[in-house]
Amino acid sequence: MKISTKGRYALRLMLDLATYNTGEPVSIKDISKRQDISEKYLEQIIAILNKAGFVRSIRGAQGGYMLKKAPSEYTVGMILRQTEGDLAPVSCVGADSEECERRSQCVTVRIYEQLNNAINGVVDHITLADMMEWQAEKVEQYVI
């Protein structure tokens, strides 16, 4: 499975909201500049995340977006599933698996199930808080 730009940008957007949380809303314009992603594309992604209840929208001149919960309460898996859907490597495994008449004789399905379990095991155990720590480590590496 290959994660699309929508999924990758959703992670960056949520990480940006977590990182620049000062108690004030963060504007799409500011996120766009910091992340080098078009405002139009970010607006599409934030609409998905807002509908999912991940972010809170504040209207007005000083408006923008804020996370609804603490960064430790969002996993990478939660965010990716909102933008990508099921993360299964093939259609015959995963939450939205399709019926396959060959499944009972299929040897490769075991590989795909293990891949699916591994993917979910990773993305469901990494939080935005973890990503914030990793980002801080990167910044510390470049301090002179």
N, C-alpha and C. Protein backbone atom coordinates (compact mmCIF):
# COMPACT_ATOMS: atom_id res chain seq x y z
N MET A 1 0.84 -1.18 0.00
CA MET A 1 0.00 0.00 0.00
C MET A 1 0.88 1.23 0.00
N LYS A 2 0.49 2.18 -0.76
CA LYS A 2 1.23 3.43 -0.86
C LYS A 2 0.36 4.56 -0.31
N ILE A 3 0.91 5.32 0.61
CA ILE A 3 0.16 6.42 1.22
C ILE A 3 0.20 7.61 0.27
N SER A 4 -0.96 8.17 0.00
CA SER A 4 -1.08 9.29 -0.94
C SER A 4 -0.60 10.60 -0.30
N THR A 5 -0.49 11.63 -1.12
CA THR A 5 -0.12 12.94 -0.59
C THR A 5 -1.15 13.42 0.43
N LYS A 6 -2.41 13.08 0.23
CA LYS A 6 -3.44 13.50 1.17
C LYS A 6 -3.14 12.94 2.57
N GLY A 7 -2.78 11.68 2.65
CA GLY A 7 -2.44 11.08 3.93
C GLY A 7 -1.17 11.67 4.53
N ARG A 8 -0.16 11.83 3.71
CA ARG A 8 1.11 12.41 4.19
C ARG A 8 0.91 13.85 4.66
N TYR A 9 0.17 14.62 3.90
CA TYR A 9 -0.07 16.02 4.27
C TYR A 9 -0.97 16.12 5.50
N ALA A 10 -1.90 15.19 5.67
CA ALA A 10 -2.75 15.19 6.87
C ALA A 10 -1.89 14.99 8.11
N LEU A 11 -0.91 14.11 8.04
CA LEU A 11 0.00 13.91 9.17
C LEU A 11 0.80 15.18 9.45
N ARG A 12 1.30 15.80 8.41
CA ARG A 12 2.07 17.04 8.59
C ARG A 12 1.20 18.15 9.15
N LEU A 13 -0.03 18.25 8.68
CA LEU A 13 -0.95 19.28 9.16
C LEU A 13 -1.25 19.07 10.64
N MET A 14 -1.56 17.84 11.04
CA MET A 14 -1.87 17.55 12.44
C MET A 14 -0.64 17.77 13.32
N LEU A 15 0.53 17.39 12.83
CA LEU A 15 1.76 17.63 13.58
C LEU A 15 2.01 19.13 13.74
N ASP A 16 1.75 19.89 12.71
CA ASP A 16 1.91 21.34 12.78
C ASP A 16 0.97 21.93 13.82
N LEU A 17 -0.29 21.50 13.81
CA LEU A 17 -1.25 22.00 14.80
C LEU A 17 -0.80 21.66 16.22
N ALA A 18 -0.26 20.47 16.40
CA ALA A 18 0.22 20.06 17.72
C ALA A 18 1.45 20.86 18.14
N THR A 19 2.36 21.04 17.22
CA THR A 19 3.62 21.74 17.50
C THR A 19 3.41 23.21 17.80
N TYR A 20 2.53 23.86 17.06
CA TYR A 20 2.32 25.30 17.21
C TYR A 20 1.10 25.62 18.04
N ASN A 21 0.74 24.73 18.96
CA ASN A 21 -0.39 24.94 19.84
C ASN A 21 0.02 25.88 20.97
N THR A 22 -0.48 27.10 20.90
CA THR A 22 -0.20 28.09 21.94
C THR A 22 -1.48 28.43 22.71
N GLY A 23 -2.55 27.73 22.39
CA GLY A 23 -3.85 28.08 22.96
C GLY A 23 -4.66 28.94 22.01
N GLU A 24 -4.00 29.42 20.98
CA GLU A 24 -4.66 30.24 19.95
C GLU A 24 -4.81 29.40 18.69
N PRO A 25 -5.85 29.68 17.89
CA PRO A 25 -6.02 28.92 16.64
C PRO A 25 -4.87 29.17 15.67
N VAL A 26 -4.57 28.15 14.88
CA VAL A 26 -3.50 28.22 13.88
C VAL A 26 -4.17 28.35 12.51
N SER A 27 -3.74 29.32 11.73
CA SER A 27 -4.36 29.55 10.43
C SER A 27 -3.80 28.60 9.37
N ILE A 28 -4.64 28.29 8.41
CA ILE A 28 -4.23 27.47 7.27
C ILE A 28 -3.09 28.16 6.53
N LYS A 29 -3.16 29.47 6.45
CA LYS A 29 -2.12 30.23 5.76
C LYS A 29 -0.75 30.00 6.41
N ASP A 30 -0.70 30.02 7.73
CA ASP A 30 0.57 29.79 8.44
C ASP A 30 1.07 28.36 8.24
N ILE A 31 0.14 27.41 8.33
CA ILE A 31 0.53 26.01 8.11
C ILE A 31 1.06 25.83 6.69
N SER A 32 0.38 26.45 5.74
CA SER A 32 0.77 26.37 4.34
C SER A 32 2.21 26.86 4.13
N LYS A 33 2.53 27.97 4.75
CA LYS A 33 3.88 28.52 4.62
C LYS A 33 4.92 27.61 5.26
N ARG A 34 4.64 27.15 6.47
CA ARG A 34 5.61 26.31 7.18
C ARG A 34 5.81 24.96 6.51
N GLN A 35 4.73 24.38 5.99
CA GLN A 35 4.79 23.03 5.42
C GLN A 35 4.99 23.02 3.91
N ASP A 36 4.93 24.18 3.29
CA ASP A 36 5.08 24.29 1.84
C ASP A 36 4.05 23.41 1.10
N ILE A 37 2.79 23.57 1.54
CA ILE A 37 1.66 22.87 0.93
C ILE A 37 0.63 23.94 0.58
N SER A 38 -0.02 23.80 -0.56
CA SER A 38 -0.98 24.82 -0.98
C SER A 38 -2.13 24.94 0.01
N GLU A 39 -2.61 26.17 0.20
CA GLU A 39 -3.73 26.43 1.10
C GLU A 39 -4.98 25.66 0.65
N LYS A 40 -5.21 25.63 -0.65
CA LYS A 40 -6.40 24.94 -1.19
C LYS A 40 -6.39 23.46 -0.81
N TYR A 41 -5.23 22.82 -0.93
CA TYR A 41 -5.13 21.39 -0.60
C TYR A 41 -5.31 21.20 0.90
N LEU A 42 -4.70 22.07 1.70
CA LEU A 42 -4.85 21.97 3.15
C LEU A 42 -6.30 22.17 3.57
N GLU A 43 -7.02 23.05 2.89
CA GLU A 43 -8.44 23.27 3.20
C GLU A 43 -9.26 22.00 2.95
N GLN A 44 -8.93 21.28 1.89
CA GLN A 44 -9.63 20.02 1.62
C GLN A 44 -9.35 19.00 2.72
N ILE A 45 -8.10 18.92 3.14
CA ILE A 45 -7.71 17.95 4.15
C ILE A 45 -8.29 18.32 5.51
N ILE A 46 -8.23 19.61 5.86
CA ILE A 46 -8.74 20.03 7.17
C ILE A 46 -10.24 19.80 7.26
N ALA A 47 -10.95 19.88 6.14
CA ALA A 47 -12.39 19.62 6.14
C ALA A 47 -12.67 18.17 6.54
N ILE A 48 -11.84 17.25 6.04
CA ILE A 48 -11.97 15.83 6.40
C ILE A 48 -11.70 15.63 7.88
N LEU A 49 -10.64 16.26 8.37
CA LEU A 49 -10.26 16.11 9.78
C LEU A 49 -11.27 16.79 10.70
N ASN A 50 -11.84 17.89 10.26
CA ASN A 50 -12.86 18.59 11.03
C ASN A 50 -14.13 17.74 11.13
N LYS A 51 -14.53 17.17 10.01
CA LYS A 51 -15.72 16.31 9.98
C LYS A 51 -15.53 15.09 10.88
N ALA A 52 -14.31 14.58 10.96
CA ALA A 52 -14.00 13.42 11.80
C ALA A 52 -13.93 13.79 13.29
N GLY A 53 -13.95 15.09 13.59
CA GLY A 53 -13.89 15.53 14.98
C GLY A 53 -12.48 15.60 15.54
N PHE A 54 -11.49 15.64 14.67
CA PHE A 54 -10.10 15.72 15.11
C PHE A 54 -9.66 17.15 15.42
N VAL A 55 -10.26 18.11 14.73
CA VAL A 55 -9.88 19.51 14.92
C VAL A 55 -11.12 20.35 15.20
N ARG A 56 -10.87 21.52 15.76
CA ARG A 56 -11.93 22.47 16.04
C ARG A 56 -11.67 23.71 15.19
N SER A 57 -12.70 24.20 14.55
CA SER A 57 -12.61 25.37 13.70
C SER A 57 -13.05 26.60 14.47
N ILE A 58 -12.26 27.66 14.40
CA ILE A 58 -12.61 28.94 15.02
C ILE A 58 -12.68 29.97 13.90
N ARG A 59 -13.84 30.57 13.76
CA ARG A 59 -14.05 31.55 12.69
C ARG A 59 -13.62 32.94 13.12
N GLY A 60 -13.45 33.81 12.14
CA GLY A 60 -13.13 35.19 12.42
C GLY A 60 -11.73 35.57 11.99
N ALA A 61 -11.42 36.86 12.20
CA ALA A 61 -10.12 37.39 11.77
C ALA A 61 -8.95 36.68 12.44
N GLN A 62 -9.11 36.31 13.68
CA GLN A 62 -8.05 35.60 14.41
C GLN A 62 -8.32 34.10 14.46
N GLY A 63 -9.14 33.64 13.53
CA GLY A 63 -9.57 32.24 13.52
C GLY A 63 -8.52 31.30 12.97
N GLY A 64 -8.90 30.05 12.96
CA GLY A 64 -8.02 29.00 12.47
C GLY A 64 -8.48 27.67 13.02
N TYR A 65 -7.52 26.80 13.30
CA TYR A 65 -7.84 25.45 13.75
C TYR A 65 -6.98 25.07 14.95
N MET A 66 -7.58 24.20 15.76
CA MET A 66 -6.88 23.65 16.93
C MET A 66 -7.23 22.17 17.04
N LEU A 67 -6.35 21.40 17.63
CA LEU A 67 -6.66 20.01 17.91
C LEU A 67 -7.75 19.96 18.97
N LYS A 68 -8.66 19.01 18.86
CA LYS A 68 -9.70 18.85 19.86
C LYS A 68 -9.20 18.12 21.10
N LYS A 69 -8.18 17.28 20.93
CA LYS A 69 -7.65 16.48 22.03
C LYS A 69 -6.14 16.70 22.14
N ALA A 70 -5.56 16.10 23.13
CA ALA A 70 -4.11 16.15 23.31
C ALA A 70 -3.42 15.34 22.22
N PRO A 71 -2.22 15.74 21.81
CA PRO A 71 -1.48 14.99 20.77
C PRO A 71 -1.30 13.51 21.09
N SER A 72 -1.23 13.16 22.35
CA SER A 72 -1.06 11.76 22.73
C SER A 72 -2.31 10.92 22.45
N GLU A 73 -3.42 11.57 22.15
CA GLU A 73 -4.68 10.85 21.90
C GLU A 73 -4.93 10.58 20.42
N TYR A 74 -4.05 11.04 19.56
CA TYR A 74 -4.18 10.79 18.11
C TYR A 74 -3.08 9.85 17.68
N THR A 75 -3.46 8.77 17.02
CA THR A 75 -2.44 7.89 16.45
C THR A 75 -2.30 8.18 14.96
N VAL A 76 -1.16 7.80 14.43
CA VAL A 76 -0.93 7.92 12.99
C VAL A 76 -2.01 7.13 12.24
N GLY A 77 -2.37 5.96 12.76
CA GLY A 77 -3.40 5.14 12.13
C GLY A 77 -4.74 5.85 12.05
N MET A 78 -5.13 6.53 13.11
CA MET A 78 -6.40 7.27 13.10
C MET A 78 -6.41 8.31 11.99
N ILE A 79 -5.32 9.04 11.88
CA ILE A 79 -5.24 10.12 10.90
C ILE A 79 -5.21 9.57 9.48
N LEU A 80 -4.38 8.56 9.26
CA LEU A 80 -4.28 7.98 7.91
C LEU A 80 -5.59 7.34 7.47
N ARG A 81 -6.28 6.68 8.38
CA ARG A 81 -7.55 6.04 7.98
C ARG A 81 -8.60 7.05 7.58
N GLN A 82 -8.55 8.25 8.14
CA GLN A 82 -9.50 9.29 7.76
C GLN A 82 -9.28 9.75 6.32
N THR A 83 -8.03 9.77 5.90
CA THR A 83 -7.71 10.28 4.57
C THR A 83 -7.51 9.18 3.54
N GLU A 84 -7.06 8.00 3.99
CA GLU A 84 -6.73 6.91 3.07
C GLU A 84 -7.77 5.80 3.06
N GLY A 85 -8.57 5.71 4.11
CA GLY A 85 -9.45 4.56 4.25
C GLY A 85 -8.67 3.41 4.87
N ASP A 86 -9.10 2.19 4.61
CA ASP A 86 -8.44 1.00 5.15
C ASP A 86 -7.00 0.94 4.65
N LEU A 87 -6.08 0.58 5.51
CA LEU A 87 -4.65 0.55 5.16
C LEU A 87 -4.18 -0.82 4.69
N ALA A 88 -5.11 -1.74 4.45
CA ALA A 88 -4.76 -3.09 4.03
C ALA A 88 -4.02 -3.07 2.69
N PRO A 89 -3.05 -3.98 2.53
CA PRO A 89 -2.26 -4.00 1.29
C PRO A 89 -3.02 -4.55 0.07
N VAL A 90 -4.05 -5.36 0.31
CA VAL A 90 -4.87 -5.91 -0.78
C VAL A 90 -6.34 -5.91 -0.34
N SER A 91 -7.23 -6.05 -1.28
CA SER A 91 -8.66 -5.93 -0.98
C SER A 91 -9.25 -7.13 -0.24
N CYS A 92 -8.55 -8.25 -0.18
CA CYS A 92 -9.11 -9.45 0.46
C CYS A 92 -8.81 -9.55 1.96
N VAL A 93 -8.09 -8.57 2.51
CA VAL A 93 -7.83 -8.53 3.95
C VAL A 93 -8.17 -7.14 4.48
N GLY A 94 -8.26 -7.02 5.78
CA GLY A 94 -8.51 -5.73 6.39
C GLY A 94 -9.96 -5.54 6.78
N ALA A 95 -10.23 -4.38 7.33
CA ALA A 95 -11.56 -4.06 7.84
C ALA A 95 -12.63 -4.08 6.75
N ASP A 96 -12.29 -3.61 5.58
CA ASP A 96 -13.26 -3.55 4.47
C ASP A 96 -12.98 -4.63 3.43
N SER A 97 -12.56 -5.81 3.89
CA SER A 97 -12.16 -6.85 2.95
C SER A 97 -13.32 -7.32 2.08
N GLU A 98 -12.98 -7.60 0.83
CA GLU A 98 -13.96 -8.10 -0.13
C GLU A 98 -13.95 -9.63 -0.10
N GLU A 99 -15.09 -10.21 -0.40
CA GLU A 99 -15.21 -11.67 -0.47
C GLU A 99 -14.37 -12.18 -1.62
N CYS A 100 -13.62 -13.25 -1.37
CA CYS A 100 -12.79 -13.85 -2.40
C CYS A 100 -13.07 -15.35 -2.44
N GLU A 101 -13.49 -15.84 -3.58
CA GLU A 101 -13.82 -17.26 -3.70
C GLU A 101 -12.60 -18.17 -3.62
N ARG A 102 -11.42 -17.62 -3.83
CA ARG A 102 -10.19 -18.41 -3.79
C ARG A 102 -9.55 -18.42 -2.40
N ARG A 103 -10.10 -17.71 -1.46
CA ARG A 103 -9.47 -17.53 -0.14
C ARG A 103 -9.11 -18.86 0.53
N SER A 104 -9.98 -19.85 0.48
CA SER A 104 -9.72 -21.11 1.17
C SER A 104 -8.52 -21.86 0.60
N GLN A 105 -8.18 -21.63 -0.67
CA GLN A 105 -7.02 -22.28 -1.27
C GLN A 105 -5.82 -21.33 -1.41
N CYS A 106 -5.99 -20.10 -1.06
CA CYS A 106 -4.96 -19.07 -1.30
C CYS A 106 -3.88 -19.11 -0.22
N VAL A 107 -2.67 -19.32 -0.65
CA VAL A 107 -1.54 -19.33 0.28
C VAL A 107 -1.06 -17.91 0.54
N THR A 108 -1.12 -17.04 -0.46
CA THR A 108 -0.59 -15.69 -0.32
C THR A 108 -1.40 -14.82 0.64
N VAL A 109 -2.64 -15.20 0.91
CA VAL A 109 -3.46 -14.40 1.82
C VAL A 109 -2.81 -14.31 3.21
N ARG A 110 -2.08 -15.34 3.60
CA ARG A 110 -1.37 -15.30 4.89
C ARG A 110 -0.32 -14.20 4.92
N ILE A 111 0.36 -14.02 3.81
CA ILE A 111 1.35 -12.94 3.70
C ILE A 111 0.66 -11.59 3.85
N TYR A 112 -0.44 -11.42 3.13
CA TYR A 112 -1.16 -10.15 3.16
C TYR A 112 -1.76 -9.87 4.53
N GLU A 113 -2.21 -10.89 5.23
CA GLU A 113 -2.73 -10.71 6.59
C GLU A 113 -1.62 -10.28 7.53
N GLN A 114 -0.44 -10.90 7.39
CA GLN A 114 0.69 -10.51 8.23
C GLN A 114 1.14 -9.08 7.94
N LEU A 115 1.16 -8.72 6.66
CA LEU A 115 1.50 -7.34 6.29
C LEU A 115 0.49 -6.36 6.89
N ASN A 116 -0.78 -6.68 6.79
CA ASN A 116 -1.83 -5.83 7.33
C ASN A 116 -1.67 -5.66 8.83
N ASN A 117 -1.42 -6.77 9.53
CA ASN A 117 -1.23 -6.71 10.97
C ASN A 117 -0.01 -5.88 11.34
N ALA A 118 1.06 -6.03 10.58
CA ALA A 118 2.29 -5.27 10.84
C ALA A 118 2.06 -3.77 10.62
N ILE A 119 1.42 -3.42 9.52
CA ILE A 119 1.14 -2.01 9.23
C ILE A 119 0.30 -1.41 10.34
N ASN A 120 -0.79 -2.08 10.70
CA ASN A 120 -1.67 -1.56 11.75
C ASN A 120 -0.96 -1.51 13.09
N GLY A 121 -0.11 -2.49 13.36
CA GLY A 121 0.64 -2.50 14.61
C GLY A 121 1.55 -1.30 14.74
N VAL A 122 2.13 -0.87 13.65
CA VAL A 122 3.01 0.29 13.67
C VAL A 122 2.20 1.59 13.78
N VAL A 123 1.28 1.81 12.86
CA VAL A 123 0.58 3.10 12.82
C VAL A 123 -0.36 3.31 14.01
N ASP A 124 -0.79 2.24 14.64
CA ASP A 124 -1.69 2.38 15.79
C ASP A 124 -0.95 2.57 17.11
N HIS A 125 0.37 2.53 17.07
CA HIS A 125 1.14 2.71 18.30
C HIS A 125 2.05 3.94 18.26
N ILE A 126 1.93 4.73 17.22
CA ILE A 126 2.69 5.98 17.14
C ILE A 126 1.69 7.12 17.24
N THR A 127 1.92 8.02 18.18
CA THR A 127 1.01 9.14 18.39
C THR A 127 1.62 10.45 17.86
N LEU A 128 0.79 11.47 17.80
CA LEU A 128 1.30 12.80 17.44
C LEU A 128 2.33 13.25 18.48
N ALA A 129 2.12 12.89 19.73
CA ALA A 129 3.10 13.24 20.77
C ALA A 129 4.46 12.60 20.47
N ASP A 130 4.45 11.35 20.02
CA ASP A 130 5.70 10.70 19.63
C ASP A 130 6.36 11.45 18.50
N MET A 131 5.57 11.84 17.51
CA MET A 131 6.11 12.57 16.37
C MET A 131 6.69 13.92 16.79
N MET A 132 6.04 14.56 17.76
CA MET A 132 6.56 15.83 18.27
C MET A 132 7.93 15.63 18.92
N GLU A 133 8.09 14.53 19.67
CA GLU A 133 9.38 14.22 20.29
C GLU A 133 10.45 13.99 19.22
N TRP A 134 10.09 13.23 18.19
CA TRP A 134 11.04 12.97 17.10
C TRP A 134 11.43 14.26 16.40
N GLN A 135 10.46 15.14 16.22
CA GLN A 135 10.74 16.43 15.57
C GLN A 135 11.69 17.24 16.44
N ALA A 136 11.47 17.25 17.74
CA ALA A 136 12.34 18.00 18.65
C ALA A 136 13.76 17.44 18.61
N GLU A 137 13.90 16.13 18.49
CA GLU A 137 15.23 15.50 18.38
C GLU A 137 15.94 15.97 17.12
N LYS A 138 15.20 16.08 16.01
CA LYS A 138 15.79 16.55 14.76
C LYS A 138 16.29 17.99 14.90
N VAL A 139 15.50 18.83 15.56
CA VAL A 139 15.87 20.23 15.74
C VAL A 139 17.11 20.33 16.61
N GLU A 140 17.15 19.52 17.67
CA GLU A 140 18.31 19.53 18.58
C GLU A 140 19.59 19.10 17.87
N GLN A 141 19.49 18.24 16.88
CA GLN A 141 20.67 17.77 16.15
C GLN A 141 21.34 18.90 15.38
N TYR A 142 20.58 19.92 15.02
CA TYR A 142 21.11 20.99 14.18
C TYR A 142 21.50 22.23 14.98
N VAL A 143 21.41 22.18 16.29
CA VAL A 143 21.78 23.33 17.12
C VAL A 143 23.29 23.37 17.25
N ILE A 144 23.84 24.55 17.04
CA ILE A 144 25.32 24.72 17.13
C ILE A 144 25.67 25.41 18.43
